[in-house]
Amino acid sequence: MKSGERSPTLHRSRIASGLLLLLLLTPRTYAFDLDQLSAQLAKPAVVRGPLIQEKHLRALPQPLTSRGQFVLSRDLGLLWQLQSPLKQDYRINSQGIAKRTPSGWQQQPGQDVAAQQSRLFLAVLKGDHSGLSKDFQLQLSGTAEAWQLRLVPNSVLLKQIFSRIQIDGGALVQRIELHETQGDHSVLRLPESQAGAALTEQEQRDFAQ
């Protein structure tokens, strides 16, 4: 070997040392997990915004589209206010599902598909992964800014209703897609959700009645 030339072994050793130093100096990155997602979604006291729900039925060439507004209270539940094609308000909380009628809120049966979807929406929007994990296998991917959560039912009841559920979001939930076992599916989009600190007086009355 000529004077001044580096030996291959010494060269490789210096490369390895340099890579090790780089790894030690680089901040560690950790995978985005379900606990972090739950904390992120549960942080706002109130979330509100427009909703667009499309129901894709096998028997119809075009989806059935509903539009409205929603209000999520971290402590009190969910107001689901449909405005078109029909006007109808629902309230979902720990007591179940209630529909607004001329005489006030009326509790609804809780075993149909709509009831199961409503409970699911409440759990998802609140980031309640511990509640979801009782009935679903949860598969999370992505980052805090852009994540995807796939739910596969494992309870007998939900297996009869849903085949899978896909949820996409960032700081807040942006899209929920539900695939039913008989082939129909629904897409819920929440395109302009905003976090807030408190309910309005009308929203407080709706939750209190």
Protein backbone atom coordinates (compact mmCIF):
# COMPACT_ATOMS: atom_id res chain seq x y z
CA MET A 1 0.00 0.00 0.00
CA LYS A 2 1.41 3.40 -0.98
CA SER A 3 2.10 6.07 1.62
CA GLY A 4 -0.88 8.36 2.15
CA GLU A 5 -3.51 5.82 1.07
CA ARG A 6 -6.13 4.79 3.61
CA SER A 7 -6.66 1.14 4.27
CA PRO A 8 -10.17 -0.18 3.33
CA THR A 9 -10.67 -1.32 6.92
CA LEU A 10 -9.88 2.11 8.36
CA HIS A 11 -12.14 3.76 5.78
CA ARG A 12 -15.09 1.53 6.66
CA SER A 13 -14.50 2.07 10.36
CA ARG A 14 -14.67 5.83 9.93
CA ILE A 15 -17.89 5.56 7.88
CA ALA A 16 -19.46 3.39 10.59
CA SER A 17 -18.40 5.85 13.29
CA GLY A 18 -19.88 8.71 11.29
CA LEU A 19 -23.22 6.92 10.84
CA LEU A 20 -23.37 6.10 14.55
CA LEU A 21 -22.71 9.74 15.44
CA LEU A 22 -25.44 10.86 13.03
CA LEU A 23 -27.96 8.48 14.62
CA LEU A 24 -27.06 9.72 18.09
CA LEU A 25 -27.44 13.37 17.09
CA THR A 26 -30.72 12.91 15.18
CA PRO A 27 -33.87 13.37 17.34
CA ARG A 28 -35.78 10.14 17.72
CA THR A 29 -39.14 9.89 16.04
CA TYR A 30 -41.88 7.77 17.51
CA ALA A 31 -44.82 6.18 15.75
CA PHE A 32 -48.16 7.97 16.11
CA ASP A 33 -50.26 5.69 18.32
CA LEU A 34 -53.86 5.35 19.50
CA ASP A 35 -53.26 7.09 22.83
CA GLN A 36 -51.84 10.12 21.03
CA LEU A 37 -54.78 10.14 18.62
CA SER A 38 -57.27 9.99 21.49
CA ALA A 39 -55.56 12.86 23.31
CA GLN A 40 -55.48 14.92 20.12
CA LEU A 41 -59.18 14.46 19.34
CA ALA A 42 -60.29 14.92 22.95
CA LYS A 43 -58.39 18.18 23.41
CA PRO A 44 -61.05 20.67 22.13
CA ALA A 45 -63.95 21.30 24.51
CA VAL A 46 -66.25 21.86 21.53
CA VAL A 47 -66.04 20.98 17.83
CA ARG A 48 -68.63 22.19 15.33
CA GLY A 49 -69.05 22.49 11.59
CA PRO A 50 -70.96 21.39 8.48
CA LEU A 51 -71.61 17.76 7.62
CA ILE A 52 -72.27 16.02 4.33
CA GLN A 53 -73.47 12.43 4.45
CA GLU A 54 -73.81 10.24 1.36
CA LYS A 55 -75.65 6.93 1.47
CA HIS A 56 -74.67 4.66 -1.41
CA LEU A 57 -77.34 2.01 -1.97
CA ARG A 58 -76.88 -0.87 -4.39
CA ALA A 59 -80.38 -0.35 -5.77
CA LEU A 60 -79.85 3.32 -6.66
CA PRO A 61 -77.51 4.80 -9.31
CA GLN A 62 -76.86 7.98 -7.27
CA PRO A 63 -76.17 8.35 -3.54
CA LEU A 64 -78.70 9.84 -1.15
CA THR A 65 -77.14 13.02 0.20
CA SER A 66 -77.94 14.74 3.49
CA ARG A 67 -76.48 18.03 4.69
CA GLY A 68 -76.48 19.77 8.00
CA GLN A 69 -74.43 20.83 10.99
CA PHE A 70 -72.98 19.06 14.00
CA VAL A 71 -71.87 20.17 17.46
CA LEU A 72 -69.65 17.92 19.57
CA SER A 73 -69.26 18.64 23.27
CA ARG A 74 -66.44 16.75 24.93
CA ASP A 75 -68.49 16.47 28.13
CA LEU A 76 -72.13 16.38 26.96
CA GLY A 77 -72.34 14.49 23.65
CA LEU A 78 -73.21 15.18 20.03
CA LEU A 79 -75.88 17.27 18.32
CA TRP A 80 -76.62 16.05 14.78
CA GLN A 81 -78.68 18.67 12.95
CA LEU A 82 -79.82 17.61 9.48
CA GLN A 83 -81.08 20.46 7.28
CA SER A 84 -81.69 18.85 3.85
CA PRO A 85 -83.44 17.09 2.25
CA LEU A 86 -85.39 16.90 5.54
CA LYS A 87 -84.89 18.92 8.69
CA GLN A 88 -84.34 16.73 11.73
CA ASP A 89 -82.23 17.08 14.90
CA TYR A 90 -80.70 14.25 16.91
CA ARG A 91 -78.84 14.23 20.20
CA ILE A 92 -76.44 11.41 21.07
CA ASN A 93 -75.03 11.04 24.57
CA SER A 94 -74.44 8.46 27.30
CA GLN A 95 -78.22 8.06 27.76
CA GLY A 96 -78.72 7.07 24.11
CA ILE A 97 -80.20 8.76 21.06
CA ALA A 98 -82.98 11.34 21.16
CA LYS A 99 -84.87 13.00 18.30
CA ARG A 100 -86.27 16.51 18.53
CA THR A 101 -90.09 16.58 18.24
CA PRO A 102 -92.63 19.42 18.62
CA SER A 103 -93.07 18.34 22.26
CA GLY A 104 -89.32 18.10 22.98
CA TRP A 105 -86.58 15.49 22.80
CA GLN A 106 -87.80 11.90 22.48
CA GLN A 107 -85.58 8.90 23.20
CA GLN A 108 -85.17 6.49 20.27
CA PRO A 109 -84.72 2.69 20.08
CA GLY A 110 -81.06 1.79 20.07
CA GLN A 111 -80.73 -1.42 18.09
CA ASP A 112 -81.01 -0.31 14.46
CA VAL A 113 -78.23 0.61 12.02
CA ALA A 114 -78.75 4.35 12.48
CA ALA A 115 -78.35 4.00 16.24
CA GLN A 116 -75.16 2.01 15.89
CA GLN A 117 -73.78 4.58 13.45
CA SER A 118 -74.65 7.43 15.79
CA ARG A 119 -72.86 5.82 18.72
CA LEU A 120 -69.90 5.11 16.49
CA PHE A 121 -69.75 8.74 15.31
CA LEU A 122 -69.76 9.94 18.92
CA ALA A 123 -66.94 7.58 19.93
CA VAL A 124 -64.85 8.43 16.86
CA LEU A 125 -65.27 12.21 17.11
CA LYS A 126 -64.40 12.14 20.81
CA GLY A 127 -61.35 9.96 20.20
CA ASP A 128 -62.63 7.21 22.51
CA HIS A 129 -60.39 4.41 21.28
CA SER A 130 -60.83 2.40 24.49
CA GLY A 131 -64.57 2.24 23.80
CA LEU A 132 -64.05 1.41 20.14
CA SER A 133 -61.57 -1.35 20.92
CA LYS A 134 -64.27 -3.30 22.75
CA ASP A 135 -66.08 -3.92 19.45
CA PHE A 136 -63.42 -3.36 16.77
CA GLN A 137 -59.88 -4.23 15.83
CA LEU A 138 -58.13 -0.87 15.39
CA GLN A 139 -55.38 -0.31 12.82
CA LEU A 140 -53.84 3.18 12.88
CA SER A 141 -51.37 4.55 10.34
CA GLY A 142 -49.96 7.95 9.40
CA THR A 143 -49.02 10.98 11.48
CA ALA A 144 -50.77 13.46 13.75
CA GLU A 145 -51.27 15.75 10.76
CA ALA A 146 -52.61 13.05 8.40
CA TRP A 147 -53.77 9.73 9.87
CA GLN A 148 -56.00 6.82 8.89
CA LEU A 149 -57.82 4.53 11.30
CA ARG A 150 -59.31 1.26 10.06
CA LEU A 151 -61.92 -0.50 12.19
CA VAL A 152 -62.79 -4.15 11.68
CA PRO A 153 -65.72 -5.37 13.84
CA ASN A 154 -65.15 -8.27 16.18
CA SER A 155 -68.49 -8.32 18.05
CA VAL A 156 -71.28 -10.53 16.72
CA LEU A 157 -73.78 -7.67 16.51
CA LEU A 158 -71.51 -5.28 14.60
CA LYS A 159 -70.32 -8.02 12.24
CA GLN A 160 -73.94 -8.29 11.14
CA ILE A 161 -73.99 -4.55 10.31
CA PHE A 162 -70.50 -3.44 9.23
CA SER A 163 -67.73 -5.13 7.30
CA ARG A 164 -65.19 -2.35 7.87
CA ILE A 165 -64.91 1.35 8.67
CA GLN A 166 -62.25 3.79 7.46
CA ILE A 167 -61.63 7.10 9.25
CA ASP A 168 -59.33 9.85 8.01
CA GLY A 169 -58.28 13.01 9.77
CA GLY A 170 -55.67 15.45 10.97
CA ALA A 171 -56.14 17.69 14.00
CA LEU A 172 -59.83 16.67 13.80
CA VAL A 173 -61.80 13.92 12.08
CA GLN A 174 -62.37 14.77 8.40
CA ARG A 175 -63.99 11.72 6.81
CA ILE A 176 -65.72 8.50 7.92
CA GLU A 177 -66.57 5.71 5.50
CA LEU A 178 -68.77 2.83 6.67
CA HIS A 179 -69.15 -0.36 4.65
CA GLU A 180 -72.17 -2.47 5.56
CA THR A 181 -72.24 -6.24 5.22
CA GLN A 182 -75.04 -6.28 2.64
CA GLY A 183 -73.03 -4.10 0.24
CA ASP A 184 -74.27 -0.56 0.91
CA HIS A 185 -71.88 2.06 2.25
CA SER A 186 -72.00 5.56 3.70
CA VAL A 187 -69.51 8.41 3.48
CA LEU A 188 -69.55 11.20 6.07
CA ARG A 189 -67.48 14.30 5.34
CA LEU A 190 -66.77 17.03 7.88
CA PRO A 191 -64.98 19.52 5.62
CA GLU A 192 -64.75 22.66 7.78
CA SER A 193 -64.77 21.56 11.40
CA GLN A 194 -63.62 24.13 13.93
CA ALA A 195 -62.53 23.67 17.55
CA GLY A 196 -64.09 25.96 20.14
CA ALA A 197 -63.88 26.66 23.86
CA ALA A 198 -67.56 26.79 24.85
CA LEU A 199 -71.11 26.03 23.76
CA THR A 200 -73.54 28.76 22.73
CA GLU A 201 -76.58 29.39 24.92
CA GLN A 202 -78.82 27.55 22.43
CA GLU A 203 -76.47 24.56 22.33
CA GLN A 204 -76.44 24.45 26.13
CA ARG A 205 -80.25 24.38 26.16
CA ASP A 206 -80.31 21.58 23.57
CA PHE A 207 -78.03 19.42 25.71
CA ALA A 208 -79.84 20.27 28.94
CA GLN A 209 -83.43 19.49 27.87
